[in-house]
Amino acid sequence: MAKRMFSVTALWDHKAKVFYSDSDIIGLHIEAATIEAFEEVMMDVAPGLVMSNHVSKAELESVAPVDLIPAILWQRPAGKAA
């Protein structure tokens, strides 16, 4: 069975003045000016990317849907930038 726990961390780029993502979710690349915008994009696209890039067709056909729901561990940045 595919991995079910994924992580997303928002990091601050001082030079570009954006939050960017560090994640083990294949295809997840976020840049946003605010942490709120970052979270909105993450919540919108991360679950779909997990299903598209980390769950096989065989799993979709043979595993109960409740067992396919991923856990996404979200870590807000610490400090003043957040």
PDB file of N, CA and C in Angstrom:
ATOM      1  N   MET A   1       0.846  -1.185   0.000  1.00  0.00           N
ATOM      2  CA  MET A   1       0.000   0.000   0.000  1.00  0.00           C
ATOM      3  C   MET A   1       0.888   1.244   0.000  1.00  0.00           C
ATOM      4  N   ALA A   2       0.444   2.262  -0.681  1.00  0.00           N
ATOM      5  CA  ALA A   2       1.200   3.510  -0.809  1.00  0.00           C
ATOM      6  C   ALA A   2       1.299   4.235   0.532  1.00  0.00           C
ATOM      7  N   LYS A   3       2.264   5.081   0.605  1.00  0.00           N
ATOM      8  CA  LYS A   3       2.478   5.922   1.774  1.00  0.00           C
ATOM      9  C   LYS A   3       1.227   6.757   2.042  1.00  0.00           C
ATOM     10  N   ARG A   4       0.866   6.926   3.296  1.00  0.00           N
ATOM     11  CA  ARG A   4      -0.351   7.666   3.636  1.00  0.00           C
ATOM     12  C   ARG A   4      -0.094   8.929   4.452  1.00  0.00           C
ATOM     13  N   MET A   5       1.149   9.180   4.834  1.00  0.00           N
ATOM     14  CA  MET A   5       1.477  10.378   5.616  1.00  0.00           C
ATOM     15  C   MET A   5       2.424  11.240   4.792  1.00  0.00           C
ATOM     16  N   PHE A   6       2.030  12.482   4.589  1.00  0.00           N
ATOM     17  CA  PHE A   6       2.823  13.415   3.804  1.00  0.00           C
ATOM     18  C   PHE A   6       3.045  14.682   4.621  1.00  0.00           C
ATOM     19  N   SER A   7       4.088  15.410   4.279  1.00  0.00           N
ATOM     20  CA  SER A   7       4.367  16.644   5.025  1.00  0.00           C
ATOM     21  C   SER A   7       4.499  17.821   4.076  1.00  0.00           C
ATOM     22  N   VAL A   8       4.086  18.978   4.578  1.00  0.00           N
ATOM     23  CA  VAL A   8       4.227  20.242   3.859  1.00  0.00           C
ATOM     24  C   VAL A   8       4.725  21.275   4.857  1.00  0.00           C
ATOM     25  N   THR A   9       5.788  21.950   4.501  1.00  0.00           N
ATOM     26  CA  THR A   9       6.330  23.024   5.325  1.00  0.00           C
ATOM     27  C   THR A   9       6.419  24.284   4.471  1.00  0.00           C
ATOM     28  N   ALA A  10       6.015  25.400   5.042  1.00  0.00           N
ATOM     29  CA  ALA A  10       6.147  26.689   4.356  1.00  0.00           C
ATOM     30  C   ALA A  10       7.440  27.347   4.840  1.00  0.00           C
ATOM     31  N   LEU A  11       8.262  27.719   3.908  1.00  0.00           N
ATOM     32  CA  LEU A  11       9.521  28.391   4.219  1.00  0.00           C
ATOM     33  C   LEU A  11       9.469  29.797   3.624  1.00  0.00           C
ATOM     34  N   TRP A  12      10.140  30.730   4.264  1.00  0.00           N
ATOM     35  CA  TRP A  12      10.118  32.124   3.828  1.00  0.00           C
ATOM     36  C   TRP A  12      11.387  32.431   3.037  1.00  0.00           C
ATOM     37  N   ASP A  13      11.219  32.967   1.846  1.00  0.00           N
ATOM     38  CA  ASP A  13      12.333  33.427   1.022  1.00  0.00           C
ATOM     39  C   ASP A  13      12.431  34.940   1.211  1.00  0.00           C
ATOM     40  N   HIS A  14      13.433  35.368   1.964  1.00  0.00           N
ATOM     41  CA  HIS A  14      13.576  36.799   2.280  1.00  0.00           C
ATOM     42  C   HIS A  14      13.811  37.640   1.026  1.00  0.00           C
ATOM     43  N   LYS A  15      14.571  37.108   0.091  1.00  0.00           N
ATOM     44  CA  LYS A  15      14.896  37.870  -1.115  1.00  0.00           C
ATOM     45  C   LYS A  15      13.665  38.048  -2.011  1.00  0.00           C
ATOM     46  N   ALA A  16      12.933  36.959  -2.248  1.00  0.00           N
ATOM     47  CA  ALA A  16      11.752  37.023  -3.125  1.00  0.00           C
ATOM     48  C   ALA A  16      10.500  37.494  -2.381  1.00  0.00           C
ATOM     49  N   LYS A  17      10.560  37.474  -1.053  1.00  0.00           N
ATOM     50  CA  LYS A  17       9.434  37.881  -0.205  1.00  0.00           C
ATOM     51  C   LYS A  17       8.177  37.033  -0.465  1.00  0.00           C
ATOM     52  N   VAL A  18       8.399  35.722  -0.504  1.00  0.00           N
ATOM     53  CA  VAL A  18       7.294  34.770  -0.660  1.00  0.00           C
ATOM     54  C   VAL A  18       7.521  33.559   0.238  1.00  0.00           C
ATOM     55  N   PHE A  19       6.422  32.904   0.577  1.00  0.00           N
ATOM     56  CA  PHE A  19       6.497  31.604   1.210  1.00  0.00           C
ATOM     57  C   PHE A  19       6.579  30.575   0.095  1.00  0.00           C
ATOM     58  N   TYR A  20       7.414  29.564   0.278  1.00  0.00           N
ATOM     59  CA  TYR A  20       7.493  28.492  -0.708  1.00  0.00           C
ATOM     60  C   TYR A  20       7.420  27.157   0.023  1.00  0.00           C
ATOM     61  N   SER A  21       7.030  26.124  -0.713  1.00  0.00           N
ATOM     62  CA  SER A  21       6.781  24.833  -0.088  1.00  0.00           C
ATOM     63  C   SER A  21       7.996  23.920  -0.120  1.00  0.00           C
ATOM     64  N   ASP A  22       8.117  23.162   0.945  1.00  0.00           N
ATOM     65  CA  ASP A  22       9.036  22.036   1.034  1.00  0.00           C
ATOM     66  C   ASP A  22       8.143  20.858   1.386  1.00  0.00           C
ATOM     67  N   SER A  23       8.057  19.861   0.501  1.00  0.00           N
ATOM     68  CA  SER A  23       7.086  18.795   0.691  1.00  0.00           C
ATOM     69  C   SER A  23       7.546  17.514   0.023  1.00  0.00           C
ATOM     70  N   ASP A  24       7.020  16.399   0.524  1.00  0.00           N
ATOM     71  CA  ASP A  24       7.272  15.113  -0.114  1.00  0.00           C
ATOM     72  C   ASP A  24       6.110  14.704  -1.020  1.00  0.00           C
ATOM     73  N   ILE A  25       5.202  15.622  -1.289  1.00  0.00           N
ATOM     74  CA  ILE A  25       4.105  15.363  -2.219  1.00  0.00           C
ATOM     75  C   ILE A  25       4.605  15.702  -3.625  1.00  0.00           C
ATOM     76  N   ILE A  26       4.660  14.685  -4.471  1.00  0.00           N
ATOM     77  CA  ILE A  26       5.138  14.875  -5.837  1.00  0.00           C
ATOM     78  C   ILE A  26       4.257  15.900  -6.551  1.00  0.00           C
ATOM     79  N   GLY A  27       4.895  16.907  -7.137  1.00  0.00           N
ATOM     80  CA  GLY A  27       4.187  17.917  -7.909  1.00  0.00           C
ATOM     81  C   GLY A  27       3.736  19.132  -7.125  1.00  0.00           C
ATOM     82  N   LEU A  28       3.889  19.127  -5.810  1.00  0.00           N
ATOM     83  CA  LEU A  28       3.446  20.266  -5.006  1.00  0.00           C
ATOM     84  C   LEU A  28       4.541  21.329  -4.949  1.00  0.00           C
ATOM     85  N   HIS A  29       4.293  22.436  -5.600  1.00  0.00           N
ATOM     86  CA  HIS A  29       5.219  23.572  -5.609  1.00  0.00           C
ATOM     87  C   HIS A  29       4.369  24.823  -5.414  1.00  0.00           C
ATOM     88  N   ILE A  30       4.511  25.439  -4.248  1.00  0.00           N
ATOM     89  CA  ILE A  30       3.694  26.606  -3.914  1.00  0.00           C
ATOM     90  C   ILE A  30       4.607  27.788  -3.646  1.00  0.00           C
ATOM     91  N   GLU A  31       4.214  28.937  -4.146  1.00  0.00           N
ATOM     92  CA  GLU A  31       4.812  30.219  -3.780  1.00  0.00           C
ATOM     93  C   GLU A  31       3.662  31.175  -3.548  1.00  0.00           C
ATOM     94  N   ALA A  32       3.676  31.861  -2.411  1.00  0.00           N
ATOM     95  CA  ALA A  32       2.592  32.790  -2.090  1.00  0.00           C
ATOM     96  C   ALA A  32       3.130  33.919  -1.223  1.00  0.00           C
ATOM     97  N   ALA A  33       2.545  35.091  -1.390  1.00  0.00           N
ATOM     98  CA  ALA A  33       2.988  36.271  -0.650  1.00  0.00           C
ATOM     99  C   ALA A  33       2.582  36.244   0.815  1.00  0.00           C
ATOM    100  N   THR A  34       1.498  35.544   1.134  1.00  0.00           N
ATOM    101  CA  THR A  34       1.046  35.456   2.532  1.00  0.00           C
ATOM    102  C   THR A  34       0.872  34.004   2.923  1.00  0.00           C
ATOM    103  N   ILE A  35       0.924  33.759   4.216  1.00  0.00           N
ATOM    104  CA  ILE A  35       0.738  32.394   4.702  1.00  0.00           C
ATOM    105  C   ILE A  35      -0.704  31.940   4.466  1.00  0.00           C
ATOM    106  N   GLU A  36      -1.638  32.871   4.516  1.00  0.00           N
ATOM    107  CA  GLU A  36      -3.047  32.534   4.259  1.00  0.00           C
ATOM    108  C   GLU A  36      -3.233  32.073   2.812  1.00  0.00           C
ATOM    109  N   ALA A  37      -2.614  32.773   1.873  1.00  0.00           N
ATOM    110  CA  ALA A  37      -2.698  32.367   0.466  1.00  0.00           C
ATOM    111  C   ALA A  37      -2.011  31.023   0.251  1.00  0.00           C
ATOM    112  N   PHE A  38      -0.891  30.810   0.937  1.00  0.00           N
ATOM    113  CA  PHE A  38      -0.179  29.539   0.853  1.00  0.00           C
ATOM    114  C   PHE A  38      -1.093  28.399   1.314  1.00  0.00           C
ATOM    115  N   GLU A  39      -1.711  28.589   2.482  1.00  0.00           N
ATOM    116  CA  GLU A  39      -2.594  27.544   3.029  1.00  0.00           C
ATOM    117  C   GLU A  39      -3.772  27.266   2.093  1.00  0.00           C
ATOM    118  N   GLU A  40      -4.322  28.306   1.508  1.00  0.00           N
ATOM    119  CA  GLU A  40      -5.461  28.128   0.607  1.00  0.00           C
ATOM    120  C   GLU A  40      -5.074  27.263  -0.594  1.00  0.00           C
ATOM    121  N   VAL A  41      -3.936  27.566  -1.196  1.00  0.00           N
ATOM    122  CA  VAL A  41      -3.473  26.766  -2.334  1.00  0.00           C
ATOM    123  C   VAL A  41      -3.181  25.335  -1.896  1.00  0.00           C
ATOM    124  N   MET A  42      -2.497  25.192  -0.761  1.00  0.00           N
ATOM    125  CA  MET A  42      -2.145  23.864  -0.270  1.00  0.00           C
ATOM    126  C   MET A  42      -3.384  23.001  -0.046  1.00  0.00           C
ATOM    127  N   MET A  43      -4.383  23.565   0.628  1.00  0.00           N
ATOM    128  CA  MET A  43      -5.601  22.805   0.922  1.00  0.00           C
ATOM    129  C   MET A  43      -6.372  22.461  -0.353  1.00  0.00           C
ATOM    130  N   ASP A  44      -6.239  23.311  -1.357  1.00  0.00           N
ATOM    131  CA  ASP A  44      -6.947  23.088  -2.618  1.00  0.00           C
ATOM    132  C   ASP A  44      -6.279  22.006  -3.467  1.00  0.00           C
ATOM    133  N   VAL A  45      -4.947  22.013  -3.548  1.00  0.00           N
ATOM    134  CA  VAL A  45      -4.284  21.122  -4.498  1.00  0.00           C
ATOM    135  C   VAL A  45      -3.595  19.895  -3.902  1.00  0.00           C
ATOM    136  N   ALA A  46      -3.161  19.949  -2.648  1.00  0.00           N
ATOM    137  CA  ALA A  46      -2.383  18.841  -2.080  1.00  0.00           C
ATOM    138  C   ALA A  46      -3.132  17.501  -2.085  1.00  0.00           C
ATOM    139  N   PRO A  47      -4.385  17.429  -1.632  1.00  0.00           N
ATOM    140  CA  PRO A  47      -5.064  16.123  -1.637  1.00  0.00           C
ATOM    141  C   PRO A  47      -5.175  15.514  -3.042  1.00  0.00           C
ATOM    142  N   GLY A  48      -5.467  16.325  -4.029  1.00  0.00           N
ATOM    143  CA  GLY A  48      -5.565  15.826  -5.394  1.00  0.00           C
ATOM    144  C   GLY A  48      -4.234  15.326  -5.933  1.00  0.00           C
ATOM    145  N   LEU A  49      -3.144  16.041  -5.591  1.00  0.00           N
ATOM    146  CA  LEU A  49      -1.824  15.594  -6.019  1.00  0.00           C
ATOM    147  C   LEU A  49      -1.442  14.277  -5.365  1.00  0.00           C
ATOM    148  N   VAL A  50      -1.819  14.096  -4.113  1.00  0.00           N
ATOM    149  CA  VAL A  50      -1.551  12.819  -3.453  1.00  0.00           C
ATOM    150  C   VAL A  50      -2.284  11.695  -4.185  1.00  0.00           C
ATOM    151  N   MET A  51      -3.557  11.913  -4.465  1.00  0.00           N
ATOM    152  CA  MET A  51      -4.332  10.873  -5.147  1.00  0.00           C
ATOM    153  C   MET A  51      -3.792  10.608  -6.557  1.00  0.00           C
ATOM    154  N   SER A  52      -3.379  11.643  -7.264  1.00  0.00           N
ATOM    155  CA  SER A  52      -2.884  11.489  -8.638  1.00  0.00           C
ATOM    156  C   SER A  52      -1.485  10.882  -8.701  1.00  0.00           C
ATOM    157  N   ASN A  53      -0.619  11.265  -7.774  1.00  0.00           N
ATOM    158  CA  ASN A  53       0.792  10.905  -7.889  1.00  0.00           C
ATOM    159  C   ASN A  53       1.298   9.869  -6.894  1.00  0.00           C
ATOM    160  N   HIS A  54       0.463   9.492  -5.926  1.00  0.00           N
ATOM    161  CA  HIS A  54       0.939   8.558  -4.902  1.00  0.00           C
ATOM    162  C   HIS A  54       0.023   7.350  -4.707  1.00  0.00           C
ATOM    163  N   VAL A  55      -1.064   7.272  -5.443  1.00  0.00           N
ATOM    164  CA  VAL A  55      -1.986   6.136  -5.312  1.00  0.00           C
ATOM    165  C   VAL A  55      -2.088   5.464  -6.678  1.00  0.00           C
ATOM    166  N   SER A  56      -1.830   4.169  -6.699  1.00  0.00           N
ATOM    167  CA  SER A  56      -1.856   3.440  -7.966  1.00  0.00           C
ATOM    168  C   SER A  56      -3.290   3.074  -8.364  1.00  0.00           C
ATOM    169  N   LYS A  57      -3.449   2.758  -9.631  1.00  0.00           N
ATOM    170  CA  LYS A  57      -4.757   2.326 -10.137  1.00  0.00           C
ATOM    171  C   LYS A  57      -5.195   1.049  -9.422  1.00  0.00           C
ATOM    172  N   ALA A  58      -4.254   0.164  -9.172  1.00  0.00           N
ATOM    173  CA  ALA A  58      -4.568  -1.087  -8.469  1.00  0.00           C
ATOM    174  C   ALA A  58      -5.089  -0.807  -7.064  1.00  0.00           C
ATOM    175  N   GLU A  59      -4.488   0.148  -6.385  1.00  0.00           N
ATOM    176  CA  GLU A  59      -4.964   0.507  -5.044  1.00  0.00           C
ATOM    177  C   GLU A  59      -6.367   1.099  -5.104  1.00  0.00           C
ATOM    178  N   LEU A  60      -6.607   1.948  -6.098  1.00  0.00           N
ATOM    179  CA  LEU A  60      -7.936   2.542  -6.238  1.00  0.00           C
ATOM    180  C   LEU A  60      -9.006   1.479  -6.441  1.00  0.00           C
ATOM    181  N   GLU A  61      -8.634   0.390  -7.110  1.00  0.00           N
ATOM    182  CA  GLU A  61      -9.584  -0.677  -7.398  1.00  0.00           C
ATOM    183  C   GLU A  61      -9.742  -1.671  -6.259  1.00  0.00           C
ATOM    184  N   SER A  62      -8.732  -1.777  -5.390  1.00  0.00           N
ATOM    185  CA  SER A  62      -8.766  -2.851  -4.395  1.00  0.00           C
ATOM    186  C   SER A  62      -8.814  -2.410  -2.937  1.00  0.00           C
ATOM    187  N   VAL A  63      -8.552  -1.148  -2.669  1.00  0.00           N
ATOM    188  CA  VAL A  63      -8.490  -0.668  -1.286  1.00  0.00           C
ATOM    189  C   VAL A  63      -9.746   0.143  -0.984  1.00  0.00           C
ATOM    190  N   ALA A  64     -10.281  -0.046   0.216  1.00  0.00           N
ATOM    191  CA  ALA A  64     -11.454   0.715   0.635  1.00  0.00           C
ATOM    192  C   ALA A  64     -11.139   2.213   0.606  1.00  0.00           C
ATOM    193  N   PRO A  65     -12.078   3.027   0.118  1.00  0.00           N
ATOM    194  CA  PRO A  65     -11.827   4.474   0.029  1.00  0.00           C
ATOM    195  C   PRO A  65     -11.352   5.098   1.331  1.00  0.00           C
ATOM    196  N   VAL A  66     -11.899   4.663   2.448  1.00  0.00           N
ATOM    197  CA  VAL A  66     -11.494   5.249   3.735  1.00  0.00           C
ATOM    198  C   VAL A  66     -10.010   4.994   4.019  1.00  0.00           C
ATOM    199  N   ASP A  67      -9.474   3.895   3.480  1.00  0.00           N
ATOM    200  CA  ASP A  67      -8.063   3.577   3.698  1.00  0.00           C
ATOM    201  C   ASP A  67      -7.135   4.326   2.748  1.00  0.00           C
ATOM    202  N   LEU A  68      -7.694   5.028   1.772  1.00  0.00           N
ATOM    203  CA  LEU A  68      -6.891   5.796   0.832  1.00  0.00           C
ATOM    204  C   LEU A  68      -6.728   7.255   1.243  1.00  0.00           C
ATOM    205  N   ILE A  69      -7.466   7.690   2.239  1.00  0.00           N
ATOM    206  CA  ILE A  69      -7.416   9.091   2.662  1.00  0.00           C
ATOM    207  C   ILE A  69      -6.039   9.385   3.269  1.00  0.00           C
ATOM    208  N   PRO A  70      -5.313  10.327   2.677  1.00  0.00           N
ATOM    209  CA  PRO A  70      -3.972  10.624   3.186  1.00  0.00           C
ATOM    210  C   PRO A  70      -4.021  11.571   4.378  1.00  0.00           C
ATOM    211  N   ALA A  71      -2.985  11.516   5.165  1.00  0.00           N
ATOM    212  CA  ALA A  71      -2.776  12.499   6.229  1.00  0.00           C
ATOM    213  C   ALA A  71      -1.706  13.459   5.726  1.00  0.00           C
ATOM    214  N   ILE A  72      -2.002  14.743   5.798  1.00  0.00           N
ATOM    215  CA  ILE A  72      -1.036  15.748   5.379  1.00  0.00           C
ATOM    216  C   ILE A  72      -0.660  16.560   6.603  1.00  0.00           C
ATOM    217  N   LEU A  73       0.577  16.399   7.019  1.00  0.00           N
ATOM    218  CA  LEU A  73       1.096  17.102   8.185  1.00  0.00           C
ATOM    219  C   LEU A  73       1.583  18.469   7.733  1.00  0.00           C
ATOM    220  N   TRP A  74       0.899  19.522   8.181  1.00  0.00           N
ATOM    221  CA  TRP A  74       1.170  20.891   7.759  1.00  0.00           C
ATOM    222  C   TRP A  74       1.906  21.614   8.858  1.00  0.00           C
ATOM    223  N   GLN A  75       3.035  22.214   8.518  1.00  0.00           N
ATOM    224  CA  GLN A  75       3.834  22.962   9.490  1.00  0.00           C
ATOM    225  C   GLN A  75       3.946  24.407   9.071  1.00  0.00           C
ATOM    226  N   ARG A  76       3.296  25.290   9.854  1.00  0.00           N
ATOM    227  CA  ARG A  76       3.419  26.737   9.619  1.00  0.00           C
ATOM    228  C   ARG A  76       4.824  27.185   9.999  1.00  0.00           C
ATOM    229  N   PRO A  77       5.323  28.190   9.327  1.00  0.00           N
ATOM    230  CA  PRO A  77       6.647  28.689   9.674  1.00  0.00           C
ATOM    231  C   PRO A  77       6.642  29.404  11.019  1.00  0.00           C
ATOM    232  N   ALA A  78       7.770  29.359  11.684  1.00  0.00           N
ATOM    233  CA  ALA A  78       7.908  30.056  12.959  1.00  0.00           C
ATOM    234  C   ALA A  78       8.499  31.433  12.707  1.00  0.00           C
ATOM    235  N   GLY A  79       8.255  32.339  13.610  1.00  0.00           N
ATOM    236  CA  GLY A  79       8.902  33.652  13.516  1.00  0.00           C
ATOM    237  C   GLY A  79       8.003  34.736  12.955  1.00  0.00           C
ATOM    238  N   LYS A  80       8.590  35.898  12.756  1.00  0.00           N
ATOM    239  CA  LYS A  80       7.845  37.075  12.356  1.00  0.00           C
ATOM    240  C   LYS A  80       7.289  36.992  10.938  1.00  0.00           C
ATOM    241  N   ALA A  81       7.952  36.295  10.043  1.00  0.00           N
ATOM    242  CA  ALA A  81       7.501  36.228   8.655  1.00  0.00           C
ATOM    243  C   ALA A  81       6.129  35.598   8.540  1.00  0.00           C
ATOM    244  N   ALA A  82       5.793  34.691   9.452  1.00  0.00           N
ATOM    245  CA  ALA A  82       4.486  34.033   9.404  1.00  0.00           C
ATOM    246  C   ALA A  82       3.434  34.984   9.891  1.00  0.00           C
TER     247      ALA A  82
END
